[in-house]
């Protein structure tokens, strides 16, 4: 039986989201930044929960028919269970439901697992941002996904 649910972000899981963020990124967002994004009307902020604990999350910011996937991560202990794919499907479905025409994102050039997930979901590389990331310095691949609004 599947024990994971996808649900909108609530402040109850903020500590879990912050912990996942810190485990997943070399320059993590602050607790306050994550809380603020979760409260924005133009954001789609979803979590994967097991019981009352968030084990993954993702966020798209929306503006003028476009979106930017600004964050997606699954706790290291829960990776390779298909949760990233479930999150991505839910995020893109919600974006399409909100009449979003395209989504953009940046990803580290060396992050093959993330790039594979994005490509599997219709994202294509459209450019390179030189030295975009710090700690360590690395280029970012700019990717785009065109959606069919529902």
C-alpha atoms as a PDB file:
ATOM      1  CA  UNK A   1       0.000   0.000   0.000  1.00  0.00           C
ATOM      2  CA  UNK A   2       1.296   3.458  -0.962  1.00  0.00           C
ATOM      3  CA  UNK A   3       1.916   5.559   2.126  1.00  0.00           C
ATOM      4  CA  UNK A   4       2.852   8.774   0.280  1.00  0.00           C
ATOM      5  CA  UNK A   5       0.513  11.668  -0.425  1.00  0.00           C
ATOM      6  CA  UNK A   6       0.996  14.802  -2.528  1.00  0.00           C
ATOM      7  CA  UNK A   7      -0.520  17.839  -0.869  1.00  0.00           C
ATOM      8  CA  UNK A   8      -0.225  21.630  -0.901  1.00  0.00           C
ATOM      9  CA  UNK A   9       2.469  23.025   1.362  1.00  0.00           C
ATOM     10  CA  UNK A  10       1.422  24.010   4.876  1.00  0.00           C
ATOM     11  CA  UNK A  11       3.547  25.635   7.533  1.00  0.00           C
ATOM     12  CA  UNK A  12       3.240  22.427   9.608  1.00  0.00           C
ATOM     13  CA  UNK A  13       5.884  20.829   7.372  1.00  0.00           C
ATOM     14  CA  UNK A  14       8.209  23.829   7.099  1.00  0.00           C
ATOM     15  CA  UNK A  15      10.884  22.242   9.324  1.00  0.00           C
ATOM     16  CA  UNK A  16      10.835  19.095   7.150  1.00  0.00           C
ATOM     17  CA  UNK A  17      11.091  21.146   3.944  1.00  0.00           C
ATOM     18  CA  UNK A  18      14.009  23.148   5.367  1.00  0.00           C
ATOM     19  CA  UNK A  19      15.817  19.927   6.334  1.00  0.00           C
ATOM     20  CA  UNK A  20      15.329  18.455   2.842  1.00  0.00           C
ATOM     21  CA  UNK A  21      16.544  21.716   1.291  1.00  0.00           C
ATOM     22  CA  UNK A  22      19.703  21.666   3.429  1.00  0.00           C
ATOM     23  CA  UNK A  23      20.391  17.996   2.628  1.00  0.00           C
ATOM     24  CA  UNK A  24      19.916  18.555  -1.092  1.00  0.00           C
ATOM     25  CA  UNK A  25      21.617  21.829  -2.061  1.00  0.00           C
ATOM     26  CA  UNK A  26      25.021  23.424  -1.469  1.00  0.00           C
ATOM     27  CA  UNK A  27      23.411  26.877  -1.144  1.00  0.00           C
ATOM     28  CA  UNK A  28      20.015  26.141   0.408  1.00  0.00           C
ATOM     29  CA  UNK A  29      17.153  28.592   0.706  1.00  0.00           C
ATOM     30  CA  UNK A  30      16.489  29.945   4.188  1.00  0.00           C
ATOM     31  CA  UNK A  31      13.538  28.877   6.287  1.00  0.00           C
ATOM     32  CA  UNK A  32      12.033  32.346   5.873  1.00  0.00           C
ATOM     33  CA  UNK A  33      12.408  32.273   2.076  1.00  0.00           C
ATOM     34  CA  UNK A  34      10.723  28.879   1.855  1.00  0.00           C
ATOM     35  CA  UNK A  35       7.901  30.012   4.166  1.00  0.00           C
ATOM     36  CA  UNK A  36       7.335  33.153   2.072  1.00  0.00           C
ATOM     37  CA  UNK A  37       7.205  31.186  -1.186  1.00  0.00           C
ATOM     38  CA  UNK A  38       4.691  28.825   0.391  1.00  0.00           C
ATOM     39  CA  UNK A  39       2.416  31.760   1.181  1.00  0.00           C
ATOM     40  CA  UNK A  40       2.549  33.390  -2.276  1.00  0.00           C
ATOM     41  CA  UNK A  41      -0.647  33.290  -4.328  1.00  0.00           C
ATOM     42  CA  UNK A  42       1.338  32.901  -7.548  1.00  0.00           C
ATOM     43  CA  UNK A  43       3.168  29.787  -6.357  1.00  0.00           C
ATOM     44  CA  UNK A  44       2.436  26.111  -6.698  1.00  0.00           C
ATOM     45  CA  UNK A  45       4.137  24.584  -3.664  1.00  0.00           C
ATOM     46  CA  UNK A  46       3.497  20.870  -3.168  1.00  0.00           C
ATOM     47  CA  UNK A  47       4.882  18.368  -0.707  1.00  0.00           C
ATOM     48  CA  UNK A  48       5.171  14.602  -0.662  1.00  0.00           C
ATOM     49  CA  UNK A  49       4.249  13.419   2.790  1.00  0.00           C
ATOM     50  CA  UNK A  50       4.438  10.154   4.648  1.00  0.00           C
ATOM     51  CA  UNK A  51       2.047  10.515   7.559  1.00  0.00           C
ATOM     52  CA  UNK A  52       2.663  13.980   8.981  1.00  0.00           C
ATOM     53  CA  UNK A  53       6.220  14.237   7.651  1.00  0.00           C
ATOM     54  CA  UNK A  54       7.247  15.874   4.383  1.00  0.00           C
ATOM     55  CA  UNK A  55       9.802  13.764   2.506  1.00  0.00           C
ATOM     56  CA  UNK A  56       9.876  15.857  -0.668  1.00  0.00           C
ATOM     57  CA  UNK A  57       8.665  19.140  -2.094  1.00  0.00           C
ATOM     58  CA  UNK A  58       8.560  21.217  -5.246  1.00  0.00           C
ATOM     59  CA  UNK A  59       7.686  24.779  -6.149  1.00  0.00           C
ATOM     60  CA  UNK A  60       6.819  26.655  -9.335  1.00  0.00           C
ATOM     61  CA  UNK A  61       6.406  30.447  -9.392  1.00  0.00           C
ATOM     62  CA  UNK A  62       3.866  31.722 -11.925  1.00  0.00           C
ATOM     63  CA  UNK A  63       3.623  35.020 -13.815  1.00  0.00           C
ATOM     64  CA  UNK A  64       1.917  36.053 -17.063  1.00  0.00           C
ATOM     65  CA  UNK A  65       1.308  32.537 -18.393  1.00  0.00           C
ATOM     66  CA  UNK A  66       4.811  31.335 -17.605  1.00  0.00           C
ATOM     67  CA  UNK A  67       6.334  29.512 -14.681  1.00  0.00           C
ATOM     68  CA  UNK A  68       9.720  28.845 -13.190  1.00  0.00           C
ATOM     69  CA  UNK A  69      10.448  25.623 -11.356  1.00  0.00           C
ATOM     70  CA  UNK A  70      12.476  27.159  -8.536  1.00  0.00           C
ATOM     71  CA  UNK A  71      12.925  24.153  -6.277  1.00  0.00           C
ATOM     72  CA  UNK A  72      12.303  20.421  -6.198  1.00  0.00           C
ATOM     73  CA  UNK A  73      13.901  17.892  -3.876  1.00  0.00           C
ATOM     74  CA  UNK A  74      13.309  14.560  -2.195  1.00  0.00           C
ATOM     75  CA  UNK A  75      14.952  13.574   1.071  1.00  0.00           C
ATOM     76  CA  UNK A  76      18.002  11.377   0.351  1.00  0.00           C
ATOM     77  CA  UNK A  77      16.464   8.483   2.314  1.00  0.00           C
ATOM     78  CA  UNK A  78      13.428   8.510  -0.025  1.00  0.00           C
ATOM     79  CA  UNK A  79      15.121   8.895  -3.390  1.00  0.00           C
ATOM     80  CA  UNK A  80      14.705   6.329  -6.184  1.00  0.00           C
ATOM     81  CA  UNK A  81      11.124   5.549  -5.127  1.00  0.00           C
ATOM     82  CA  UNK A  82       9.517   7.559  -7.934  1.00  0.00           C
ATOM     83  CA  UNK A  83       8.564  10.441  -5.645  1.00  0.00           C
ATOM     84  CA  UNK A  84      10.363  13.052  -7.759  1.00  0.00           C
ATOM     85  CA  UNK A  85       8.347  11.909 -10.762  1.00  0.00           C
ATOM     86  CA  UNK A  86       5.089  12.051  -8.810  1.00  0.00           C
ATOM     87  CA  UNK A  87       5.918  15.567  -7.644  1.00  0.00           C
ATOM     88  CA  UNK A  88       6.837  16.675 -11.160  1.00  0.00           C
ATOM     89  CA  UNK A  89       3.600  15.284 -12.596  1.00  0.00           C
ATOM     90  CA  UNK A  90       1.529  17.040  -9.933  1.00  0.00           C
ATOM     91  CA  UNK A  91       3.376  20.342 -10.373  1.00  0.00           C
ATOM     92  CA  UNK A  92       3.039  20.347 -14.166  1.00  0.00           C
ATOM     93  CA  UNK A  93      -0.627  19.325 -13.988  1.00  0.00           C
ATOM     94  CA  UNK A  94      -1.400  22.156 -11.572  1.00  0.00           C
ATOM     95  CA  UNK A  95       0.538  24.620 -13.745  1.00  0.00           C
ATOM     96  CA  UNK A  96      -1.430  23.547 -16.833  1.00  0.00           C
ATOM     97  CA  UNK A  97      -4.684  23.819 -14.863  1.00  0.00           C
ATOM     98  CA  UNK A  98      -3.702  27.425 -14.109  1.00  0.00           C
ATOM     99  CA  UNK A  99      -3.276  28.094 -17.849  1.00  0.00           C
ATOM    100  CA  UNK A 100       0.515  28.215 -17.725  1.00  0.00           C
ATOM    101  CA  UNK A 101       1.945  27.905 -21.233  1.00  0.00           C
ATOM    102  CA  UNK A 102       5.579  27.143 -20.435  1.00  0.00           C
ATOM    103  CA  UNK A 103       7.859  26.374 -17.519  1.00  0.00           C
ATOM    104  CA  UNK A 104      11.550  27.240 -17.267  1.00  0.00           C
ATOM    105  CA  UNK A 105      14.248  26.016 -14.896  1.00  0.00           C
ATOM    106  CA  UNK A 106      17.987  26.026 -14.343  1.00  0.00           C
ATOM    107  CA  UNK A 107      19.864  22.883 -13.368  1.00  0.00           C
ATOM    108  CA  UNK A 108      23.521  22.186 -12.665  1.00  0.00           C
ATOM    109  CA  UNK A 109      25.165  20.860 -15.801  1.00  0.00           C
ATOM    110  CA  UNK A 110      26.531  17.882 -13.825  1.00  0.00           C
ATOM    111  CA  UNK A 111      23.181  16.944 -12.205  1.00  0.00           C
ATOM    112  CA  UNK A 112      22.366  14.022 -14.477  1.00  0.00           C
ATOM    113  CA  UNK A 113      19.545  12.532 -12.336  1.00  0.00           C
ATOM    114  CA  UNK A 114      17.671  15.856 -12.288  1.00  0.00           C
ATOM    115  CA  UNK A 115      18.262  16.486 -15.981  1.00  0.00           C
ATOM    116  CA  UNK A 116      16.939  13.009 -16.783  1.00  0.00           C
ATOM    117  CA  UNK A 117      13.809  13.674 -14.719  1.00  0.00           C
ATOM    118  CA  UNK A 118      13.234  16.984 -16.485  1.00  0.00           C
ATOM    119  CA  UNK A 119      13.782  15.538 -19.961  1.00  0.00           C
ATOM    120  CA  UNK A 120      11.413  12.649 -19.172  1.00  0.00           C
ATOM    121  CA  UNK A 121       8.768  15.287 -18.404  1.00  0.00           C
ATOM    122  CA  UNK A 122       9.144  17.257 -21.621  1.00  0.00           C
ATOM    123  CA  UNK A 123      11.836  19.768 -20.732  1.00  0.00           C
ATOM    124  CA  UNK A 124      14.453  20.555 -23.369  1.00  0.00           C
ATOM    125  CA  UNK A 125      17.743  22.407 -23.016  1.00  0.00           C
ATOM    126  CA  UNK A 126      17.542  25.869 -24.566  1.00  0.00           C
ATOM    127  CA  UNK A 127      20.679  27.554 -23.257  1.00  0.00           C
ATOM    128  CA  UNK A 128      23.568  27.685 -20.842  1.00  0.00           C
ATOM    129  CA  UNK A 129      24.174  30.153 -18.017  1.00  0.00           C
ATOM    130  CA  UNK A 130      27.934  30.341 -17.456  1.00  0.00           C
ATOM    131  CA  UNK A 131      29.118  30.122 -13.824  1.00  0.00           C
ATOM    132  CA  UNK A 132      25.519  30.408 -12.622  1.00  0.00           C
ATOM    133  CA  UNK A 133      26.044  28.280  -9.522  1.00  0.00           C
ATOM    134  CA  UNK A 134      28.429  28.974  -6.663  1.00  0.00           C
ATOM    135  CA  UNK A 135      29.841  26.501  -4.127  1.00  0.00           C
ATOM    136  CA  UNK A 136      31.013  24.919  -6.377  1.00  0.00           C
ATOM    137  CA  UNK A 137      31.049  27.181  -9.401  1.00  0.00           C
ATOM    138  CA  UNK A 138      29.279  25.486 -12.288  1.00  0.00           C
ATOM    139  CA  UNK A 139      27.319  26.303 -15.417  1.00  0.00           C
ATOM    140  CA  UNK A 140      23.537  25.909 -15.415  1.00  0.00           C
ATOM    141  CA  UNK A 141      21.546  24.368 -18.232  1.00  0.00           C
ATOM    142  CA  UNK A 142      18.443  26.458 -18.949  1.00  0.00           C
ATOM    143  CA  UNK A 143      15.502  24.201 -19.783  1.00  0.00           C
ATOM    144  CA  UNK A 144      11.973  24.809 -21.034  1.00  0.00           C
ATOM    145  CA  UNK A 145       8.770  22.780 -21.117  1.00  0.00           C
ATOM    146  CA  UNK A 146       5.744  23.878 -23.154  1.00  0.00           C
ATOM    147  CA  UNK A 147       2.421  22.963 -21.570  1.00  0.00           C
ATOM    148  CA  UNK A 148      -1.024  22.525 -23.006  1.00  0.00           C
ATOM    149  CA  UNK A 149      -3.332  24.459 -20.683  1.00  0.00           C
ATOM    150  CA  UNK A 150      -6.343  22.452 -19.516  1.00  0.00           C
END
